[in-house]
């Protein structure tokens, strides 16, 4: 299975936008969903790397989705824009306290092949999305575009609709992986 995702600038912790930190996050599986009953022998200590925006008072916003289990993108995740509480354990290392709020970002999913990322127009649209604070990922033949939802927003920002319409137009002209081998 192919899984590809954009990361904020130089996701190694250099040249990140102000307020953004690259962190190693430590947690137990039970920290992610306290309502889910996880047998003690399965409640493993886990670690993931992620970029997050510091919101102050130990709160952070995840700037890309993170798979928190060995199941990859279909396992337990922290979604793009989720607000979480974490405490510093060492430089660049934090311990997850809890997920405070699950985000409901504006999302558009479009069928796309990995080769579509080589199309200059599409690359430009994806760069624009990142510059505006959004993110994208390509997994299992679909390109997913997301942007943070404001607390009072009832509709996506007009620029997001315009951008997703342009991406749909470009992807519609490209072959899709499901079409391979068909005449």
Protein backbone atom coordinates (compact mmCIF):
# COMPACT_ATOMS: atom_id res chain seq x y z
CA UNK A 1 0.00 0.00 0.00
CA UNK A 2 1.29 3.46 -0.86
CA UNK A 3 0.96 6.12 1.80
CA UNK A 4 2.43 9.57 1.33
CA UNK A 5 1.84 12.75 3.27
CA UNK A 6 3.05 16.29 3.18
CA UNK A 7 4.91 17.61 6.18
CA UNK A 8 5.35 21.21 7.30
CA UNK A 9 8.58 22.91 6.20
CA UNK A 10 11.63 20.79 7.04
CA UNK A 11 9.77 18.58 9.45
CA UNK A 12 13.04 17.94 11.23
CA UNK A 13 12.47 20.92 13.49
CA UNK A 14 14.41 23.51 11.48
CA UNK A 15 12.84 26.53 9.84
CA UNK A 16 9.41 25.77 11.26
CA UNK A 17 6.91 28.62 11.32
CA UNK A 18 6.73 30.64 14.57
CA UNK A 19 4.87 28.79 17.31
CA UNK A 20 5.33 25.40 15.66
CA UNK A 21 7.40 22.71 17.34
CA UNK A 22 8.66 19.35 16.16
CA UNK A 23 8.17 16.92 19.02
CA UNK A 24 8.63 13.36 20.03
CA UNK A 25 5.37 12.46 21.75
CA UNK A 26 5.23 9.66 24.33
CA UNK A 27 1.91 8.05 25.25
CA UNK A 28 0.12 4.86 26.13
CA UNK A 29 -2.66 3.56 23.90
CA UNK A 30 -5.13 4.22 26.74
CA UNK A 31 -4.17 7.94 26.64
CA UNK A 32 -5.70 8.27 23.17
CA UNK A 33 -9.20 7.06 23.97
CA UNK A 34 -9.77 6.72 27.73
CA UNK A 35 -13.25 5.28 27.09
CA UNK A 36 -11.84 2.34 25.11
CA UNK A 37 -11.01 -0.61 27.32
CA UNK A 38 -7.51 -1.77 26.50
CA UNK A 39 -6.21 -4.82 28.36
CA UNK A 40 -3.26 -3.87 30.55
CA UNK A 41 -0.91 -6.22 28.67
CA UNK A 42 -1.80 -4.42 25.39
CA UNK A 43 -1.53 -0.87 26.78
CA UNK A 44 1.93 -0.32 25.39
CA UNK A 45 4.16 2.70 25.69
CA UNK A 46 4.40 4.33 22.26
CA UNK A 47 6.26 7.18 20.59
CA UNK A 48 5.58 9.23 17.48
CA UNK A 49 7.16 12.26 15.80
CA UNK A 50 4.93 15.17 14.88
CA UNK A 51 4.83 18.88 14.19
CA UNK A 52 2.38 20.86 16.27
CA UNK A 53 1.48 24.48 16.93
CA UNK A 54 1.86 25.56 20.54
CA UNK A 55 -1.37 27.16 21.79
CA UNK A 56 0.01 27.89 25.28
CA UNK A 57 -0.72 26.35 28.69
CA UNK A 58 0.50 22.92 27.51
CA UNK A 59 -1.99 22.78 24.62
CA UNK A 60 -0.96 21.99 21.05
CA UNK A 61 -2.66 21.59 17.65
CA UNK A 62 -1.50 18.66 15.49
CA UNK A 63 -0.39 19.97 12.09
CA UNK A 64 -0.52 16.61 10.34
CA UNK A 65 -2.34 13.37 11.04
CA UNK A 66 -0.34 10.86 13.01
CA UNK A 67 -0.91 7.14 13.17
CA UNK A 68 -0.45 6.22 16.80
CA UNK A 69 -0.43 2.44 16.40
CA UNK A 70 1.29 -0.18 14.29
CA UNK A 71 -1.87 -0.42 12.14
CA UNK A 72 -0.75 2.57 10.06
CA UNK A 73 -3.31 5.00 8.67
CA UNK A 74 -6.24 2.76 9.59
CA UNK A 75 -5.36 2.48 13.30
CA UNK A 76 -5.84 4.94 16.13
CA UNK A 77 -4.82 8.41 15.00
CA UNK A 78 -4.45 11.96 16.10
CA UNK A 79 -6.06 13.95 13.31
CA UNK A 80 -4.97 17.11 11.58
CA UNK A 81 -6.01 19.98 13.82
CA UNK A 82 -6.75 17.90 16.93
CA UNK A 83 -6.02 19.85 20.11
CA UNK A 84 -4.03 17.89 22.68
CA UNK A 85 -2.42 18.51 26.04
CA UNK A 86 1.19 17.46 26.59
CA UNK A 87 3.83 18.03 29.24
CA UNK A 88 7.53 18.52 28.49
CA UNK A 89 9.74 15.61 29.55
CA UNK A 90 13.01 16.77 27.95
CA UNK A 91 14.07 19.06 25.09
CA UNK A 92 11.75 18.23 22.18
CA UNK A 93 10.13 15.34 24.07
CA UNK A 94 6.60 15.55 25.45
CA UNK A 95 4.23 13.22 27.24
CA UNK A 96 0.64 13.12 26.00
CA UNK A 97 -1.84 13.97 28.75
CA UNK A 98 -5.01 13.78 26.67
CA UNK A 99 -6.67 14.74 23.42
CA UNK A 100 -8.72 17.79 24.36
CA UNK A 101 -10.73 18.22 21.18
CA UNK A 102 -10.99 16.28 17.96
CA UNK A 103 -10.85 18.59 14.96
CA UNK A 104 -13.33 18.45 12.16
CA UNK A 105 -11.29 20.03 9.37
CA UNK A 106 -12.76 20.90 6.00
CA UNK A 107 -11.85 17.91 3.85
CA UNK A 108 -11.98 17.01 0.17
CA UNK A 109 -10.96 13.55 -1.09
CA UNK A 110 -10.16 13.06 -4.77
CA UNK A 111 -9.14 9.87 -6.63
CA UNK A 112 -5.49 10.27 -7.65
CA UNK A 113 -2.48 8.18 -8.63
CA UNK A 114 0.94 8.70 -7.05
CA UNK A 115 2.22 9.92 -10.43
CA UNK A 116 -0.17 12.87 -10.23
CA UNK A 117 2.20 14.48 -7.71
CA UNK A 118 4.65 14.96 -10.61
CA UNK A 119 2.21 17.25 -12.45
CA UNK A 120 3.46 20.84 -11.96
CA UNK A 121 -0.03 22.37 -11.72
CA UNK A 122 -1.03 19.92 -9.00
CA UNK A 123 2.24 20.44 -7.11
CA UNK A 124 1.58 24.18 -7.19
CA UNK A 125 -1.92 23.74 -5.77
CA UNK A 126 -0.60 21.50 -2.97
CA UNK A 127 2.10 24.06 -2.14
CA UNK A 128 -0.57 26.76 -1.98
CA UNK A 129 -2.62 24.60 0.39
CA UNK A 130 0.37 24.18 2.72
CA UNK A 131 1.17 27.90 2.60
CA UNK A 132 -2.40 28.61 3.74
CA UNK A 133 -2.06 26.25 6.70
CA UNK A 134 -3.66 23.17 5.14
CA UNK A 135 -2.27 19.71 4.55
CA UNK A 136 -2.60 16.89 2.06
CA UNK A 137 -1.99 13.18 1.99
CA UNK A 138 -2.02 10.56 -0.74
CA UNK A 139 -3.06 7.09 0.39
CA UNK A 140 -4.74 4.12 -1.27
CA UNK A 141 -5.45 5.92 -4.55
CA UNK A 142 -6.97 9.03 -2.96
CA UNK A 143 -5.64 12.53 -2.45
CA UNK A 144 -7.09 14.11 0.68
CA UNK A 145 -6.91 17.88 1.17
CA UNK A 146 -7.65 19.43 4.57
CA UNK A 147 -7.75 22.86 6.13
CA UNK A 148 -8.49 23.90 9.71
CA UNK A 149 -12.12 24.72 10.47
CA UNK A 150 -12.69 27.94 12.40
CA UNK A 151 -14.95 27.72 15.46
CA UNK A 152 -17.81 29.63 13.84
CA UNK A 153 -17.35 28.52 10.21
CA UNK A 154 -20.40 26.98 8.60
CA UNK A 155 -18.76 26.59 5.19
CA UNK A 156 -15.18 26.12 4.00
CA UNK A 157 -13.28 29.28 3.11
CA UNK A 158 -13.93 30.31 -0.52
CA UNK A 159 -10.24 29.86 -1.40
CA UNK A 160 -10.41 26.20 -0.27
CA UNK A 161 -13.37 25.46 -2.53
CA UNK A 162 -11.64 27.19 -5.44
CA UNK A 163 -8.41 25.28 -4.82
CA UNK A 164 -10.15 21.90 -4.49
CA UNK A 165 -12.11 22.56 -7.69
CA UNK A 166 -8.83 23.21 -9.52
CA UNK A 167 -7.28 20.02 -8.06
CA UNK A 168 -10.32 17.96 -9.10
CA UNK A 169 -10.02 19.38 -12.63
CA UNK A 170 -6.33 18.41 -12.89
CA UNK A 171 -6.82 14.92 -11.35
CA UNK A 172 -9.79 14.18 -13.62
CA UNK A 173 -7.47 14.42 -16.63
CA UNK A 174 -4.98 11.91 -15.20
CA UNK A 175 -5.20 8.11 -15.15
CA UNK A 176 -6.33 6.63 -11.83
CA UNK A 177 -4.68 3.51 -10.34
CA UNK A 178 -7.99 1.60 -10.52
CA UNK A 179 -7.99 2.09 -14.30
CA UNK A 180 -4.63 0.34 -14.82
CA UNK A 181 -4.94 -2.74 -16.95
CA UNK A 182 -8.25 -1.65 -18.42
CA UNK A 183 -8.51 -1.01 -22.15
